[in-house]
PDB file of N, CA and C in Angstrom:
ATOM      1  N   UNK A   1      -5.112  17.450 -70.993  1.00  0.00           N
ATOM      2  CA  UNK A   1      -4.391  17.261 -70.992  1.00  0.00           C
ATOM      3  C   UNK A   1      -3.062  15.858 -72.404  1.00  0.00           C
ATOM      4  N   UNK A   2      -3.829  15.429 -72.253  1.00  0.00           N
ATOM      5  CA  UNK A   2      -3.000  13.712 -73.085  1.00  0.00           C
ATOM      6  C   UNK A   2      -4.030  14.228 -74.441  1.00  0.00           C
ATOM      7  N   UNK A   3      -5.592  14.536 -74.443  1.00  0.00           N
ATOM      8  CA  UNK A   3      -5.601  15.041 -75.844  1.00  0.00           C
ATOM      9  C   UNK A   3      -4.884  16.212 -76.779  1.00  0.00           C
ATOM     10  N   UNK A   4      -3.873  17.575 -76.000  1.00  0.00           N
ATOM     11  CA  UNK A   4      -3.005  17.981 -76.334  1.00  0.00           C
ATOM     12  C   UNK A   4      -1.961  17.678 -76.702  1.00  0.00           C
ATOM     13  N   UNK A   5      -1.487  16.728 -75.675  1.00  0.00           N
ATOM     14  CA  UNK A   5      -0.288  15.961 -76.800  1.00  0.00           C
ATOM     15  C   UNK A   5      -0.698  14.934 -77.510  1.00  0.00           C
ATOM     16  N   UNK A   6      -1.809  14.986 -77.533  1.00  0.00           N
ATOM     17  CA  UNK A   6      -2.483  13.392 -78.976  1.00  0.00           C
ATOM     18  C   UNK A   6      -2.121  15.018 -80.294  1.00  0.00           C
ATOM     19  N   UNK A   7      -2.862  16.176 -80.288  1.00  0.00           N
ATOM     20  CA  UNK A   7      -2.797  16.790 -81.437  1.00  0.00           C
ATOM     21  C   UNK A   7      -1.847  17.378 -81.647  1.00  0.00           C
ATOM     22  N   UNK A   8      -0.633  17.344 -80.712  1.00  0.00           N
ATOM     23  CA  UNK A   8       0.608  18.790 -81.715  1.00  0.00           C
ATOM     24  C   UNK A   8       1.443  17.603 -82.604  1.00  0.00           C
ATOM     25  N   UNK A   9       1.925  18.221 -83.279  1.00  0.00           N
ATOM     26  CA  UNK A   9       2.854  17.114 -84.290  1.00  0.00           C
ATOM     27  C   UNK A   9       3.698  17.364 -83.504  1.00  0.00           C
ATOM     28  N   UNK A  10       4.182  15.870 -84.581  1.00  0.00           N
ATOM     29  CA  UNK A  10       5.683  14.848 -83.888  1.00  0.00           C
ATOM     30  C   UNK A  10       6.559  16.392 -83.670  1.00  0.00           C
ATOM     31  N   UNK A  11       7.293  15.524 -82.748  1.00  0.00           N
ATOM     32  CA  UNK A  11       8.599  16.246 -83.131  1.00  0.00           C
ATOM     33  C   UNK A  11       8.973  15.576 -84.279  1.00  0.00           C
ATOM     34  N   UNK A  12      10.467  16.711 -84.517  1.00  0.00           N
ATOM     35  CA  UNK A  12      11.073  16.816 -85.262  1.00  0.00           C
ATOM     36  C   UNK A  12      11.754  15.744 -85.497  1.00  0.00           C
ATOM     37  N   UNK A  13      12.520  14.953 -86.528  1.00  0.00           N
ATOM     38  CA  UNK A  13      13.655  13.915 -86.078  1.00  0.00           C
ATOM     39  C   UNK A  13      14.844  14.636 -85.739  1.00  0.00           C
ATOM     40  N   UNK A  14      15.681  13.736 -85.928  1.00  0.00           N
ATOM     41  CA  UNK A  14      17.646  15.237 -85.076  1.00  0.00           C
ATOM     42  C   UNK A  14      18.685  14.859 -86.205  1.00  0.00           C
ATOM     43  N   UNK A  15      18.084  13.399 -86.759  1.00  0.00           N
ATOM     44  CA  UNK A  15      19.577  13.337 -87.986  1.00  0.00           C
ATOM     45  C   UNK A  15      19.789  14.491 -88.023  1.00  0.00           C
ATOM     46  N   UNK A  16      19.945  14.653 -89.727  1.00  0.00           N
ATOM     47  CA  UNK A  16      20.676  14.920 -90.744  1.00  0.00           C
ATOM     48  C   UNK A  16      19.824  16.253 -90.641  1.00  0.00           C
ATOM     49  N   UNK A  17      18.180  16.266 -90.643  1.00  0.00           N
ATOM     50  CA  UNK A  17      17.548  16.909 -90.599  1.00  0.00           C
ATOM     51  C   UNK A  17      17.248  16.901 -92.207  1.00  0.00           C
ATOM     52  N   UNK A  18      16.682  16.066 -92.690  1.00  0.00           N
ATOM     53  CA  UNK A  18      15.892  15.895 -94.481  1.00  0.00           C
ATOM     54  C   UNK A  18      14.287  15.012 -94.051  1.00  0.00           C
ATOM     55  N   UNK A  19      13.668  16.578 -94.195  1.00  0.00           N
ATOM     56  CA  UNK A  19      12.300  17.033 -94.187  1.00  0.00           C
ATOM     57  C   UNK A  19      11.581  16.409 -95.881  1.00  0.00           C
ATOM     58  N   UNK A  20      10.367  16.734 -95.473  1.00  0.00           N
ATOM     59  CA  UNK A  20       9.840  16.420 -96.665  1.00  0.00           C
ATOM     60  C   UNK A  20      10.134  18.027 -97.482  1.00  0.00           C
ATOM     61  N   UNK A  21      10.503  18.679 -97.298  1.00  0.00           N
ATOM     62  CA  UNK A  21      10.367  20.116 -97.119  1.00  0.00           C
ATOM     63  C   UNK A  21      11.481  19.959 -98.211  1.00  0.00           C
ATOM     64  N   UNK A  22      12.776  20.318 -97.967  1.00  0.00           N
ATOM     65  CA  UNK A  22      14.260  20.409 -97.945  1.00  0.00           C
ATOM     66  C   UNK A  22      14.368  19.432 -99.173  1.00  0.00           C
ATOM     67  N   UNK A  23      13.359  17.422 -98.857  1.00  0.00           N
ATOM     68  CA  UNK A  23      13.498  17.346-100.316  1.00  0.00           C
ATOM     69  C   UNK A  23      13.040  17.907-101.141  1.00  0.00           C
ATOM     70  N   UNK A  24      11.843  17.969-101.291  1.00  0.00           N
ATOM     71  CA  UNK A  24      10.821  18.568-101.801  1.00  0.00           C
ATOM     72  C   UNK A  24      11.657  19.831-102.988  1.00  0.00           C
ATOM     73  N   UNK A  25      12.438  21.176-102.025  1.00  0.00           N
ATOM     74  CA  UNK A  25      13.221  22.524-102.370  1.00  0.00           C
ATOM     75  C   UNK A  25      14.279  21.582-103.092  1.00  0.00           C
ATOM     76  N   UNK A  26      15.132  20.790-103.115  1.00  0.00           N
ATOM     77  CA  UNK A  26      16.289  19.625-103.507  1.00  0.00           C
ATOM     78  C   UNK A  26      15.891  19.600-104.653  1.00  0.00           C
ATOM     79  N   UNK A  27      14.804  18.507-104.684  1.00  0.00           N
ATOM     80  CA  UNK A  27      13.614  17.782-105.755  1.00  0.00           C
ATOM     81  C   UNK A  27      13.906  19.131-107.294  1.00  0.00           C
ATOM     82  N   UNK A  28      13.342  20.024-106.699  1.00  0.00           N
ATOM     83  CA  UNK A  28      12.431  20.840-107.341  1.00  0.00           C
ATOM     84  C   UNK A  28      14.188  22.063-107.937  1.00  0.00           C
ATOM     85  N   UNK A  29      15.427  22.362-107.174  1.00  0.00           N
ATOM     86  CA  UNK A  29      15.735  23.292-107.969  1.00  0.00           C
ATOM     87  C   UNK A  29      17.405  21.812-108.619  1.00  0.00           C
ATOM     88  N   UNK A  30      17.530  20.681-108.318  1.00  0.00           N
ATOM     89  CA  UNK A  30      17.946  19.196-109.265  1.00  0.00           C
ATOM     90  C   UNK A  30      17.104  19.606-110.625  1.00  0.00           C
ATOM     91  N   UNK A  31      15.530  19.735-110.216  1.00  0.00           N
ATOM     92  CA  UNK A  31      15.055  19.572-111.688  1.00  0.00           C
ATOM     93  C   UNK A  31      15.322  20.564-113.287  1.00  0.00           C
ATOM     94  N   UNK A  32      15.456  21.853-112.005  1.00  0.00           N
ATOM     95  CA  UNK A  32      15.644  22.848-113.459  1.00  0.00           C
ATOM     96  C   UNK A  32      17.233  22.640-113.616  1.00  0.00           C
ATOM     97  N   UNK A  33      18.126  23.061-112.765  1.00  0.00           N
ATOM     98  CA  UNK A  33      19.717  22.921-112.865  1.00  0.00           C
ATOM     99  C   UNK A  33      19.490  21.753-114.491  1.00  0.00           C
ATOM    100  N   UNK A  34      19.277  20.635-113.772  1.00  0.00           N
ATOM    101  CA  UNK A  34      18.939  19.190-115.038  1.00  0.00           C
ATOM    102  C   UNK A  34      18.503  19.753-116.494  1.00  0.00           C
ATOM    103  N   UNK A  35      17.214  20.583-116.145  1.00  0.00           N
ATOM    104  CA  UNK A  35      17.009  20.877-117.490  1.00  0.00           C
ATOM    105  C   UNK A  35      17.684  22.460-117.591  1.00  0.00           C
ATOM    106  N   UNK A  36      18.364  22.830-117.241  1.00  0.00           N
ATOM    107  CA  UNK A  36      19.471  23.370-118.668  1.00  0.00           C
ATOM    108  C   UNK A  36      20.342  22.858-118.671  1.00  0.00           C
ATOM    109  N   UNK A  37      20.453  22.328-117.833  1.00  0.00           N
ATOM    110  CA  UNK A  37      21.849  21.725-118.457  1.00  0.00           C
ATOM    111  C   UNK A  37      21.141  20.545-119.816  1.00  0.00           C
ATOM    112  N   UNK A  38      20.221  20.039-119.526  1.00  0.00           N
ATOM    113  CA  UNK A  38      19.490  19.250-120.608  1.00  0.00           C
ATOM    114  C   UNK A  38      19.739  20.131-121.889  1.00  0.00           C
ATOM    115  N   UNK A  39      18.809  21.492-121.878  1.00  0.00           N
ATOM    116  CA  UNK A  39      18.710  22.012-122.976  1.00  0.00           C
ATOM    117  C   UNK A  39      19.910  23.023-123.318  1.00  0.00           C
ATOM    118  N   UNK A  40      20.679  23.202-122.529  1.00  0.00           N
ATOM    119  CA  UNK A  40      22.118  23.014-123.424  1.00  0.00           C
ATOM    120  C   UNK A  40      23.312  21.668-124.707  1.00  0.00           C
ATOM    121  N   UNK A  41      22.959  20.950-123.921  1.00  0.00           N
ATOM    122  CA  UNK A  41      23.364  19.833-124.047  1.00  0.00           C
ATOM    123  C   UNK A  41      22.527  19.318-125.669  1.00  0.00           C
ATOM    124  N   UNK A  42      21.069  20.067-125.908  1.00  0.00           N
ATOM    125  CA  UNK A  42      20.409  19.378-127.055  1.00  0.00           C
ATOM    126  C   UNK A  42      20.525  19.480-128.768  1.00  0.00           C
ATOM    127  N   UNK A  43      21.612  20.620-128.851  1.00  0.00           N
ATOM    128  CA  UNK A  43      21.752  20.732-130.337  1.00  0.00           C
ATOM    129  C   UNK A  43      22.646  19.414-129.990  1.00  0.00           C
ATOM    130  N   UNK A  44      23.490  18.485-129.591  1.00  0.00           N
ATOM    131  CA  UNK A  44      24.423  17.060-129.608  1.00  0.00           C
ATOM    132  C   UNK A  44      23.502  16.461-129.967  1.00  0.00           C
ATOM    133  N   UNK A  45      22.837  16.094-129.686  1.00  0.00           N
ATOM    134  CA  UNK A  45      21.857  14.828-129.689  1.00  0.00           C
ATOM    135  C   UNK A  45      20.801  14.550-128.722  1.00  0.00           C
ATOM    136  N   UNK A  46      19.816  13.642-128.386  1.00  0.00           N
ATOM    137  CA  UNK A  46      18.881  13.824-128.156  1.00  0.00           C
ATOM    138  C   UNK A  46      19.501  12.724-126.810  1.00  0.00           C
ATOM    139  N   UNK A  47      20.088  11.771-126.647  1.00  0.00           N
ATOM    140  CA  UNK A  47      20.948  10.842-125.984  1.00  0.00           C
ATOM    141  C   UNK A  47      21.690  11.385-124.907  1.00  0.00           C
ATOM    142  N   UNK A  48      22.630  12.104-125.201  1.00  0.00           N
ATOM    143  CA  UNK A  48      23.307  12.937-124.649  1.00  0.00           C
ATOM    144  C   UNK A  48      22.812  14.030-124.099  1.00  0.00           C
ATOM    145  N   UNK A  49      22.015  14.511-124.678  1.00  0.00           N
ATOM    146  CA  UNK A  49      21.105  15.394-123.421  1.00  0.00           C
ATOM    147  C   UNK A  49      20.708  15.067-122.564  1.00  0.00           C
ATOM    148  N   UNK A  50      19.914  13.915-122.736  1.00  0.00           N
ATOM    149  CA  UNK A  50      19.509  13.195-121.214  1.00  0.00           C
ATOM    150  C   UNK A  50      20.176  12.329-119.990  1.00  0.00           C
ATOM    151  N   UNK A  51      21.188  12.423-120.977  1.00  0.00           N
ATOM    152  CA  UNK A  51      22.104  11.719-119.733  1.00  0.00           C
ATOM    153  C   UNK A  51      22.493  13.196-119.465  1.00  0.00           C
ATOM    154  N   UNK A  52      23.356  13.592-119.766  1.00  0.00           N
ATOM    155  CA  UNK A  52      23.979  15.338-119.308  1.00  0.00           C
ATOM    156  C   UNK A  52      22.631  15.810-117.723  1.00  0.00           C
ATOM    157  N   UNK A  53      21.680  15.921-118.955  1.00  0.00           N
ATOM    158  CA  UNK A  53      20.570  16.548-118.052  1.00  0.00           C
ATOM    159  C   UNK A  53      20.587  15.695-116.216  1.00  0.00           C
ATOM    160  N   UNK A  54      20.149  14.543-116.967  1.00  0.00           N
ATOM    161  CA  UNK A  54      20.182  13.719-115.471  1.00  0.00           C
ATOM    162  C   UNK A  54      21.495  13.494-114.649  1.00  0.00           C
ATOM    163  N   UNK A  55      22.414  13.294-115.435  1.00  0.00           N
ATOM    164  CA  UNK A  55      23.664  13.535-114.612  1.00  0.00           C
ATOM    165  C   UNK A  55      23.541  14.670-113.998  1.00  0.00           C
ATOM    166  N   UNK A  56      23.746  15.409-114.839  1.00  0.00           N
ATOM    167  CA  UNK A  56      23.810  17.074-113.738  1.00  0.00           C
ATOM    168  C   UNK A  56      22.622  17.331-112.592  1.00  0.00           C
ATOM    169  N   UNK A  57      21.273  16.725-112.654  1.00  0.00           N
ATOM    170  CA  UNK A  57      20.249  16.497-111.513  1.00  0.00           C
ATOM    171  C   UNK A  57      21.070  16.091-110.953  1.00  0.00           C
ATOM    172  N   UNK A  58      21.638  14.640-110.754  1.00  0.00           N
ATOM    173  CA  UNK A  58      21.982  13.978-109.615  1.00  0.00           C
ATOM    174  C   UNK A  58      22.539  15.252-108.829  1.00  0.00           C
ATOM    175  N   UNK A  59      23.685  15.356-109.307  1.00  0.00           N
ATOM    176  CA  UNK A  59      24.958  15.606-109.039  1.00  0.00           C
ATOM    177  C   UNK A  59      24.519  16.980-108.204  1.00  0.00           C
ATOM    178  N   UNK A  60      23.787  17.733-108.576  1.00  0.00           N
ATOM    179  CA  UNK A  60      23.100  19.077-107.584  1.00  0.00           C
ATOM    180  C   UNK A  60      22.323  18.788-106.660  1.00  0.00           C
ATOM    181  N   UNK A  61      21.611  17.361-106.869  1.00  0.00           N
ATOM    182  CA  UNK A  61      20.807  17.203-105.403  1.00  0.00           C
ATOM    183  C   UNK A  61      22.088  16.624-104.075  1.00  0.00           C
ATOM    184  N   UNK A  62      22.573  15.414-104.877  1.00  0.00           N
ATOM    185  CA  UNK A  62      23.832  15.081-103.805  1.00  0.00           C
ATOM    186  C   UNK A  62      24.601  16.095-103.319  1.00  0.00           C
ATOM    187  N   UNK A  63      24.602  17.169-103.911  1.00  0.00           N
ATOM    188  CA  UNK A  63      25.810  17.957-103.706  1.00  0.00           C
ATOM    189  C   UNK A  63      25.261  19.445-102.041  1.00  0.00           C
ATOM    190  N   UNK A  64      23.209  19.701-102.884  1.00  0.00           N
ATOM    191  CA  UNK A  64      22.755  19.971-101.312  1.00  0.00           C
ATOM    192  C   UNK A  64      22.524  19.164-100.508  1.00  0.00           C
ATOM    193  N   UNK A  65      22.518  17.893-100.351  1.00  0.00           N
ATOM    194  CA  UNK A  65      22.696  16.971 -99.169  1.00  0.00           C
ATOM    195  C   UNK A  65      24.447  17.060 -98.348  1.00  0.00           C
ATOM    196  N   UNK A  66      25.676  17.151 -98.629  1.00  0.00           N
ATOM    197  CA  UNK A  66      26.953  17.130 -98.878  1.00  0.00           C
ATOM    198  C   UNK A  66      26.377  18.563 -97.849  1.00  0.00           C
ATOM    199  N   UNK A  67      25.862  19.522 -98.621  1.00  0.00           N
ATOM    200  CA  UNK A  67      26.101  20.901 -98.287  1.00  0.00           C
ATOM    201  C   UNK A  67      25.435  20.438 -96.495  1.00  0.00           C
ATOM    202  N   UNK A  68      24.251  20.041 -96.185  1.00  0.00           N
ATOM    203  CA  UNK A  68      23.329  19.874 -95.737  1.00  0.00           C
ATOM    204  C   UNK A  68      23.502  18.659 -94.519  1.00  0.00           C
ATOM    205  N   UNK A  69      24.490  18.306 -94.438  1.00  0.00           N
ATOM    206  CA  UNK A  69      25.699  17.239 -93.474  1.00  0.00           C
ATOM    207  C   UNK A  69      26.581  18.196 -93.074  1.00  0.00           C
ATOM    208  N   UNK A  70      27.167  18.927 -93.576  1.00  0.00           N
ATOM    209  CA  UNK A  70      28.460  19.361 -92.990  1.00  0.00           C
ATOM    210  C   UNK A  70      27.726  20.525 -92.150  1.00  0.00           C
ATOM    211  N   UNK A  71      26.101  21.256 -92.913  1.00  0.00           N
ATOM    212  CA  UNK A  71      26.615  22.121 -92.158  1.00  0.00           C
ATOM    213  C   UNK A  71      25.540  21.874 -90.944  1.00  0.00           C
ATOM    214  N   UNK A  72      24.650  20.225 -90.613  1.00  0.00           N
ATOM    215  CA  UNK A  72      24.675  19.606 -89.185  1.00  0.00           C
ATOM    216  C   UNK A  72      25.811  19.464 -88.562  1.00  0.00           C
ATOM    217  N   UNK A  73      27.167  19.107 -89.213  1.00  0.00           N
ATOM    218  CA  UNK A  73      27.885  18.520 -89.127  1.00  0.00           C
ATOM    219  C   UNK A  73      29.072  19.618 -88.122  1.00  0.00           C
ATOM    220  N   UNK A  74      28.731  21.189 -88.393  1.00  0.00           N
ATOM    221  CA  UNK A  74      29.483  21.763 -87.885  1.00  0.00           C
ATOM    222  C   UNK A  74      28.489  22.913 -86.343  1.00  0.00           C
ATOM    223  N   UNK A  75      27.336  22.333 -87.125  1.00  0.00           N
ATOM    224  CA  UNK A  75      25.836  23.144 -85.215  1.00  0.00           C
ATOM    225  C   UNK A  75      25.984  22.515 -84.344  1.00  0.00           C
ATOM    226  N   UNK A  76      26.816  21.095 -84.872  1.00  0.00           N
ATOM    227  CA  UNK A  76      26.671  20.320 -83.572  1.00  0.00           C
ATOM    228  C   UNK A  76      28.034  20.720 -82.750  1.00  0.00           C
ATOM    229  N   UNK A  77      28.793  20.899 -83.109  1.00  0.00           N
ATOM    230  CA  UNK A  77      30.313  20.949 -82.900  1.00  0.00           C
ATOM    231  C   UNK A  77      30.103  21.953 -81.760  1.00  0.00           C
TER     232      UNK A  77
END
């Protein structure tokens, strides 16, 4: 019986549910959105385009974390 328990995967953390899969998906979406913003801002010059791309990627990831937090909070009520 103890061997079966040892082989099982660990239980997921009940916190906000920010698993590795969520972070990988969020980073991929943020990267895609940031690349699109970078490409659209490219004609105005490299430094500005880089800043726009990085800022947009960060905002996209922050929005996803905020949505996950709101959904977790709503589900717990």
